[in-house]
Amino acid sequence: MHLQEKTITSDLRYEGPIFTITHDTAELENGKTAVRDVLHHHGGVCVIPITENNEIFLVKQFRYPFASVTREVPAGKLEKGEDHAECGRRELLEETGYSCSEYIYLGEMLPTPAYNTEVTYMYLAKGLTFSSQSLDPDEFLDVERIPLSEAVKQVMDGTIRDGKTQVTILKAARLLGI
């Protein structure tokens, strides 16, 4: 059982529309027990839309937990059992108004694996075609267009703080040789 933990008990503490929380007792490899609070999340998807001139679209939106506006790649949460590729295409269109002809899977990331089951799937969208933005009734955001090279600088200097956005920008830049 090296580097493994076995769940002994799991008590549901909260169940909401976005996530659930359990309070677990786990057996450690040395036979002792530890408490583990786990936030169970269906996951999310983010998409970095990139133009033929290597510019990307970011969305600016208010994030309640931080009481501030963040700049992020378009993203959304998965519904239970939803295909992440289709979710990403839907979110891209809803938030930016763009669809794409080329859709490249960039992998997945675990945003906070110490206590959260969320997996974020990342995509790069090319061959963009604008139709119309279609935000949810409770969604308010602005779309901005910046060069990918400038976005990399902003990741490195701390201007862009969102983790999924940082990883996606750096992966896209590396893939495209920027």
C-alpha atoms as a PDB file:
ATOM      1  CA  MET A   1       0.000   0.000   0.000  1.00  0.00           C
ATOM      2  CA  HIS A   2       2.926   2.389  -0.529  1.00  0.00           C
ATOM      3  CA  LEU A   3       1.609   5.841  -1.460  1.00  0.00           C
ATOM      4  CA  GLN A   4      -1.981   4.616  -1.169  1.00  0.00           C
ATOM      5  CA  GLU A   5      -4.809   5.457   1.210  1.00  0.00           C
ATOM      6  CA  LYS A   6      -7.937   3.384   1.780  1.00  0.00           C
ATOM      7  CA  THR A   7     -11.287   5.046   2.506  1.00  0.00           C
ATOM      8  CA  ILE A   8     -12.771   3.634   5.709  1.00  0.00           C
ATOM      9  CA  THR A   9     -15.788   5.943   6.059  1.00  0.00           C
ATOM     10  CA  SER A  10     -17.289   8.651   3.896  1.00  0.00           C
ATOM     11  CA  ASP A  11     -20.012  10.956   5.218  1.00  0.00           C
ATOM     12  CA  LEU A  12     -21.878  13.336   2.914  1.00  0.00           C
ATOM     13  CA  ARG A  13     -21.681  16.829   4.428  1.00  0.00           C
ATOM     14  CA  TYR A  14     -23.004  19.011   1.595  1.00  0.00           C
ATOM     15  CA  GLU A  15     -24.740  18.423  -1.719  1.00  0.00           C
ATOM     16  CA  GLY A  16     -25.290  21.350  -4.072  1.00  0.00           C
ATOM     17  CA  PRO A  17     -25.791  22.058  -7.762  1.00  0.00           C
ATOM     18  CA  ILE A  18     -22.076  22.378  -8.565  1.00  0.00           C
ATOM     19  CA  PHE A  19     -20.336  20.042  -6.108  1.00  0.00           C
ATOM     20  CA  THR A  20     -20.706  17.801  -3.071  1.00  0.00           C
ATOM     21  CA  ILE A  21     -18.479  17.563  -0.020  1.00  0.00           C
ATOM     22  CA  THR A  22     -17.683  14.430   1.957  1.00  0.00           C
ATOM     23  CA  HIS A  23     -15.907  14.073   5.289  1.00  0.00           C
ATOM     24  CA  ASP A  24     -13.847  10.877   5.038  1.00  0.00           C
ATOM     25  CA  THR A  25     -11.635   8.778   7.253  1.00  0.00           C
ATOM     26  CA  ALA A  26      -8.747   7.147   5.412  1.00  0.00           C
ATOM     27  CA  GLU A  27      -6.299   4.474   6.451  1.00  0.00           C
ATOM     28  CA  LEU A  28      -2.702   5.478   5.758  1.00  0.00           C
ATOM     29  CA  GLU A  29       0.067   3.112   4.667  1.00  0.00           C
ATOM     30  CA  ASN A  30       1.398   2.992   8.247  1.00  0.00           C
ATOM     31  CA  GLY A  31      -1.996   1.762   9.544  1.00  0.00           C
ATOM     32  CA  LYS A  32      -2.979   5.059  11.164  1.00  0.00           C
ATOM     33  CA  THR A  33      -6.025   7.048  10.091  1.00  0.00           C
ATOM     34  CA  ALA A  34      -6.446  10.593   8.821  1.00  0.00           C
ATOM     35  CA  VAL A  35      -9.414  12.840   8.089  1.00  0.00           C
ATOM     36  CA  ARG A  36      -9.931  13.861   4.459  1.00  0.00           C
ATOM     37  CA  ASP A  37     -12.516  16.452   3.419  1.00  0.00           C
ATOM     38  CA  VAL A  38     -13.172  16.051  -0.300  1.00  0.00           C
ATOM     39  CA  LEU A  39     -14.947  18.374  -2.709  1.00  0.00           C
ATOM     40  CA  HIS A  40     -16.431  16.241  -5.525  1.00  0.00           C
ATOM     41  CA  HIS A  41     -16.782  18.146  -8.813  1.00  0.00           C
ATOM     42  CA  HIS A  42     -17.863  16.966 -12.302  1.00  0.00           C
ATOM     43  CA  GLY A  43     -14.941  18.772 -13.908  1.00  0.00           C
ATOM     44  CA  GLY A  44     -14.509  21.547 -16.380  1.00  0.00           C
ATOM     45  CA  VAL A  45     -13.209  22.461 -19.789  1.00  0.00           C
ATOM     46  CA  CYS A  46     -11.242  25.435 -21.050  1.00  0.00           C
ATOM     47  CA  VAL A  47     -10.495  26.464 -24.618  1.00  0.00           C
ATOM     48  CA  ILE A  48      -7.834  28.825 -25.920  1.00  0.00           C
ATOM     49  CA  PRO A  49      -9.102  30.322 -29.186  1.00  0.00           C
ATOM     50  CA  ILE A  50      -6.254  31.472 -31.404  1.00  0.00           C
ATOM     51  CA  THR A  51      -6.436  33.486 -34.609  1.00  0.00           C
ATOM     52  CA  GLU A  52      -4.321  33.066 -37.733  1.00  0.00           C
ATOM     53  CA  ASN A  53      -2.221  36.003 -36.403  1.00  0.00           C
ATOM     54  CA  ASN A  54      -1.487  34.193 -33.111  1.00  0.00           C
ATOM     55  CA  GLU A  55      -3.853  36.347 -31.090  1.00  0.00           C
ATOM     56  CA  ILE A  56      -6.037  34.788 -28.409  1.00  0.00           C
ATOM     57  CA  PHE A  57      -9.373  35.659 -26.880  1.00  0.00           C
ATOM     58  CA  LEU A  58      -9.678  35.992 -23.113  1.00  0.00           C
ATOM     59  CA  VAL A  59     -12.786  36.701 -21.094  1.00  0.00           C
ATOM     60  CA  LYS A  60     -12.902  39.174 -18.229  1.00  0.00           C
ATOM     61  CA  GLN A  61     -15.403  38.374 -15.501  1.00  0.00           C
ATOM     62  CA  PHE A  62     -16.089  39.035 -11.848  1.00  0.00           C
ATOM     63  CA  ARG A  63     -15.095  36.152  -9.549  1.00  0.00           C
ATOM     64  CA  TYR A  64     -17.071  36.327  -6.328  1.00  0.00           C
ATOM     65  CA  PRO A  65     -14.653  34.451  -4.000  1.00  0.00           C
ATOM     66  CA  PHE A  66     -11.906  36.981  -4.791  1.00  0.00           C
ATOM     67  CA  ALA A  67     -14.199  40.015  -5.214  1.00  0.00           C
ATOM     68  CA  SER A  68     -12.305  40.973  -8.348  1.00  0.00           C
ATOM     69  CA  VAL A  69     -12.268  40.666 -12.128  1.00  0.00           C
ATOM     70  CA  THR A  70     -10.094  37.933 -13.635  1.00  0.00           C
ATOM     71  CA  ARG A  71      -8.893  37.342 -17.185  1.00  0.00           C
ATOM     72  CA  GLU A  72      -9.373  33.750 -18.297  1.00  0.00           C
ATOM     73  CA  VAL A  73      -9.604  31.545 -21.340  1.00  0.00           C
ATOM     74  CA  PRO A  74     -13.221  30.635 -22.142  1.00  0.00           C
ATOM     75  CA  ALA A  75     -14.303  27.811 -19.849  1.00  0.00           C
ATOM     76  CA  GLY A  76     -17.208  26.048 -18.250  1.00  0.00           C
ATOM     77  CA  LYS A  77     -18.210  23.227 -15.967  1.00  0.00           C
ATOM     78  CA  LEU A  78     -19.168  19.795 -17.181  1.00  0.00           C
ATOM     79  CA  GLU A  79     -22.597  18.410 -16.512  1.00  0.00           C
ATOM     80  CA  LYS A  80     -22.556  14.897 -15.063  1.00  0.00           C
ATOM     81  CA  GLY A  81     -21.617  12.478 -17.871  1.00  0.00           C
ATOM     82  CA  GLU A  82     -21.138  15.231 -20.478  1.00  0.00           C
ATOM     83  CA  ASP A  83     -18.448  14.828 -23.173  1.00  0.00           C
ATOM     84  CA  HIS A  84     -15.677  17.347 -22.444  1.00  0.00           C
ATOM     85  CA  ALA A  85     -14.918  18.039 -26.114  1.00  0.00           C
ATOM     86  CA  GLU A  86     -18.520  19.048 -26.819  1.00  0.00           C
ATOM     87  CA  CYS A  87     -18.701  21.085 -23.609  1.00  0.00           C
ATOM     88  CA  GLY A  88     -15.632  23.047 -24.692  1.00  0.00           C
ATOM     89  CA  ARG A  89     -17.070  23.792 -28.123  1.00  0.00           C
ATOM     90  CA  ARG A  90     -20.321  24.943 -26.514  1.00  0.00           C
ATOM     91  CA  GLU A  91     -18.533  27.204 -24.024  1.00  0.00           C
ATOM     92  CA  LEU A  92     -16.346  28.714 -26.753  1.00  0.00           C
ATOM     93  CA  LEU A  93     -19.423  29.665 -28.773  1.00  0.00           C
ATOM     94  CA  GLU A  94     -21.459  30.877 -25.788  1.00  0.00           C
ATOM     95  CA  GLU A  95     -18.729  33.046 -24.281  1.00  0.00           C
ATOM     96  CA  THR A  96     -16.947  34.413 -27.369  1.00  0.00           C
ATOM     97  CA  GLY A  97     -19.353  33.846 -30.251  1.00  0.00           C
ATOM     98  CA  TYR A  98     -16.741  31.796 -32.125  1.00  0.00           C
ATOM     99  CA  SER A  99     -16.798  28.260 -33.470  1.00  0.00           C
ATOM    100  CA  CYS A 100     -13.739  26.541 -34.880  1.00  0.00           C
ATOM    101  CA  SER A 101     -12.713  24.187 -37.676  1.00  0.00           C
ATOM    102  CA  GLU A 102      -9.667  22.820 -35.841  1.00  0.00           C
ATOM    103  CA  TYR A 103      -9.888  21.617 -32.232  1.00  0.00           C
ATOM    104  CA  ILE A 104      -6.746  20.281 -30.569  1.00  0.00           C
ATOM    105  CA  TYR A 105      -6.785  18.443 -27.236  1.00  0.00           C
ATOM    106  CA  LEU A 106      -4.062  19.794 -24.916  1.00  0.00           C
ATOM    107  CA  GLY A 107      -4.592  17.340 -22.066  1.00  0.00           C
ATOM    108  CA  GLU A 108      -5.943  17.642 -18.577  1.00  0.00           C
ATOM    109  CA  MET A 109      -4.911  19.262 -15.328  1.00  0.00           C
ATOM    110  CA  LEU A 110      -5.821  18.705 -11.688  1.00  0.00           C
ATOM    111  CA  PRO A 111      -6.376  22.223 -10.300  1.00  0.00           C
ATOM    112  CA  THR A 112      -6.366  21.329  -6.584  1.00  0.00           C
ATOM    113  CA  PRO A 113      -5.730  17.596  -6.060  1.00  0.00           C
ATOM    114  CA  ALA A 114      -5.232  17.835  -2.298  1.00  0.00           C
ATOM    115  CA  TYR A 115      -8.983  18.098  -1.646  1.00  0.00           C
ATOM    116  CA  ASN A 116     -10.865  18.420  -4.947  1.00  0.00           C
ATOM    117  CA  THR A 117     -11.744  15.784  -7.587  1.00  0.00           C
ATOM    118  CA  GLU A 118     -12.059  18.343 -10.397  1.00  0.00           C
ATOM    119  CA  VAL A 119     -10.305  17.590 -13.691  1.00  0.00           C
ATOM    120  CA  THR A 120      -9.978  20.430 -16.208  1.00  0.00           C
ATOM    121  CA  TYR A 121      -9.715  19.403 -19.878  1.00  0.00           C
ATOM    122  CA  MET A 122      -7.862  21.838 -22.143  1.00  0.00           C
ATOM    123  CA  TYR A 123      -8.300  22.539 -25.855  1.00  0.00           C
ATOM    124  CA  LEU A 124      -6.858  24.834 -28.501  1.00  0.00           C
ATOM    125  CA  ALA A 125      -9.291  26.172 -31.108  1.00  0.00           C
ATOM    126  CA  LYS A 126      -8.142  27.350 -34.560  1.00  0.00           C
ATOM    127  CA  GLY A 127      -9.927  28.233 -37.782  1.00  0.00           C
ATOM    128  CA  LEU A 128     -12.275  30.571 -35.934  1.00  0.00           C
ATOM    129  CA  THR A 129     -15.590  31.754 -37.365  1.00  0.00           C
ATOM    130  CA  PHE A 130     -17.728  34.342 -35.583  1.00  0.00           C
ATOM    131  CA  SER A 131     -21.495  33.996 -35.376  1.00  0.00           C
ATOM    132  CA  SER A 132     -22.900  35.425 -32.134  1.00  0.00           C
ATOM    133  CA  GLN A 133     -22.235  35.340 -28.430  1.00  0.00           C
ATOM    134  CA  SER A 134     -24.892  33.555 -26.359  1.00  0.00           C
ATOM    135  CA  LEU A 135     -24.265  34.103 -22.644  1.00  0.00           C
ATOM    136  CA  ASP A 136     -26.289  32.413 -19.919  1.00  0.00           C
ATOM    137  CA  PRO A 137     -28.801  34.769 -18.234  1.00  0.00           C
ATOM    138  CA  ASP A 138     -26.606  35.036 -15.129  1.00  0.00           C
ATOM    139  CA  GLU A 139     -23.297  35.361 -17.018  1.00  0.00           C
ATOM    140  CA  PHE A 140     -21.626  38.738 -17.528  1.00  0.00           C
ATOM    141  CA  LEU A 141     -18.247  39.021 -19.230  1.00  0.00           C
ATOM    142  CA  ASP A 142     -16.178  41.003 -21.690  1.00  0.00           C
ATOM    143  CA  VAL A 143     -14.060  39.435 -24.438  1.00  0.00           C
ATOM    144  CA  GLU A 144     -10.607  40.783 -25.220  1.00  0.00           C
ATOM    145  CA  ARG A 145      -8.124  39.904 -27.960  1.00  0.00           C
ATOM    146  CA  ILE A 146      -4.370  39.944 -27.274  1.00  0.00           C
ATOM    147  CA  PRO A 147      -1.267  38.458 -28.920  1.00  0.00           C
ATOM    148  CA  LEU A 148      -0.356  35.028 -27.525  1.00  0.00           C
ATOM    149  CA  SER A 149       3.198  36.275 -26.918  1.00  0.00           C
ATOM    150  CA  GLU A 150       1.809  39.085 -24.728  1.00  0.00           C
ATOM    151  CA  ALA A 151      -0.360  36.581 -22.841  1.00  0.00           C
ATOM    152  CA  VAL A 152       2.757  34.497 -22.098  1.00  0.00           C
ATOM    153  CA  LYS A 153       4.442  37.627 -20.674  1.00  0.00           C
ATOM    154  CA  GLN A 154       1.369  38.308 -18.539  1.00  0.00           C
ATOM    155  CA  VAL A 155       1.416  34.743 -17.198  1.00  0.00           C
ATOM    156  CA  MET A 156       5.091  35.110 -16.291  1.00  0.00           C
ATOM    157  CA  ASP A 157       4.717  38.532 -14.634  1.00  0.00           C
ATOM    158  CA  GLY A 158       1.643  37.486 -12.640  1.00  0.00           C
ATOM    159  CA  THR A 159      -0.899  39.666 -14.439  1.00  0.00           C
ATOM    160  CA  ILE A 160      -2.860  36.571 -15.508  1.00  0.00           C
ATOM    161  CA  ARG A 161      -3.484  34.722 -12.239  1.00  0.00           C
ATOM    162  CA  ASP A 162      -6.019  32.010 -13.108  1.00  0.00           C
ATOM    163  CA  GLY A 163      -4.343  28.573 -13.065  1.00  0.00           C
ATOM    164  CA  LYS A 164      -6.169  26.924 -15.972  1.00  0.00           C
ATOM    165  CA  THR A 165      -5.511  29.994 -18.086  1.00  0.00           C
ATOM    166  CA  GLN A 166      -1.814  30.013 -17.225  1.00  0.00           C
ATOM    167  CA  VAL A 167      -1.368  26.336 -18.092  1.00  0.00           C
ATOM    168  CA  THR A 168      -3.388  26.572 -21.305  1.00  0.00           C
ATOM    169  CA  ILE A 169      -1.538  29.681 -22.528  1.00  0.00           C
ATOM    170  CA  LEU A 170       1.880  28.124 -21.852  1.00  0.00           C
ATOM    171  CA  LYS A 171       0.911  24.799 -23.480  1.00  0.00           C
ATOM    172  CA  ALA A 172      -0.450  26.569 -26.571  1.00  0.00           C
ATOM    173  CA  ALA A 173       2.634  28.777 -26.842  1.00  0.00           C
ATOM    174  CA  ARG A 174       4.939  25.764 -26.588  1.00  0.00           C
ATOM    175  CA  LEU A 175       2.900  23.805 -29.143  1.00  0.00           C
ATOM    176  CA  LEU A 176       2.952  26.718 -31.586  1.00  0.00           C
ATOM    177  CA  GLY A 177       6.627  27.577 -30.985  1.00  0.00           C
ATOM    178  CA  ILE A 178       5.930  31.020 -29.542  1.00  0.00           C
END
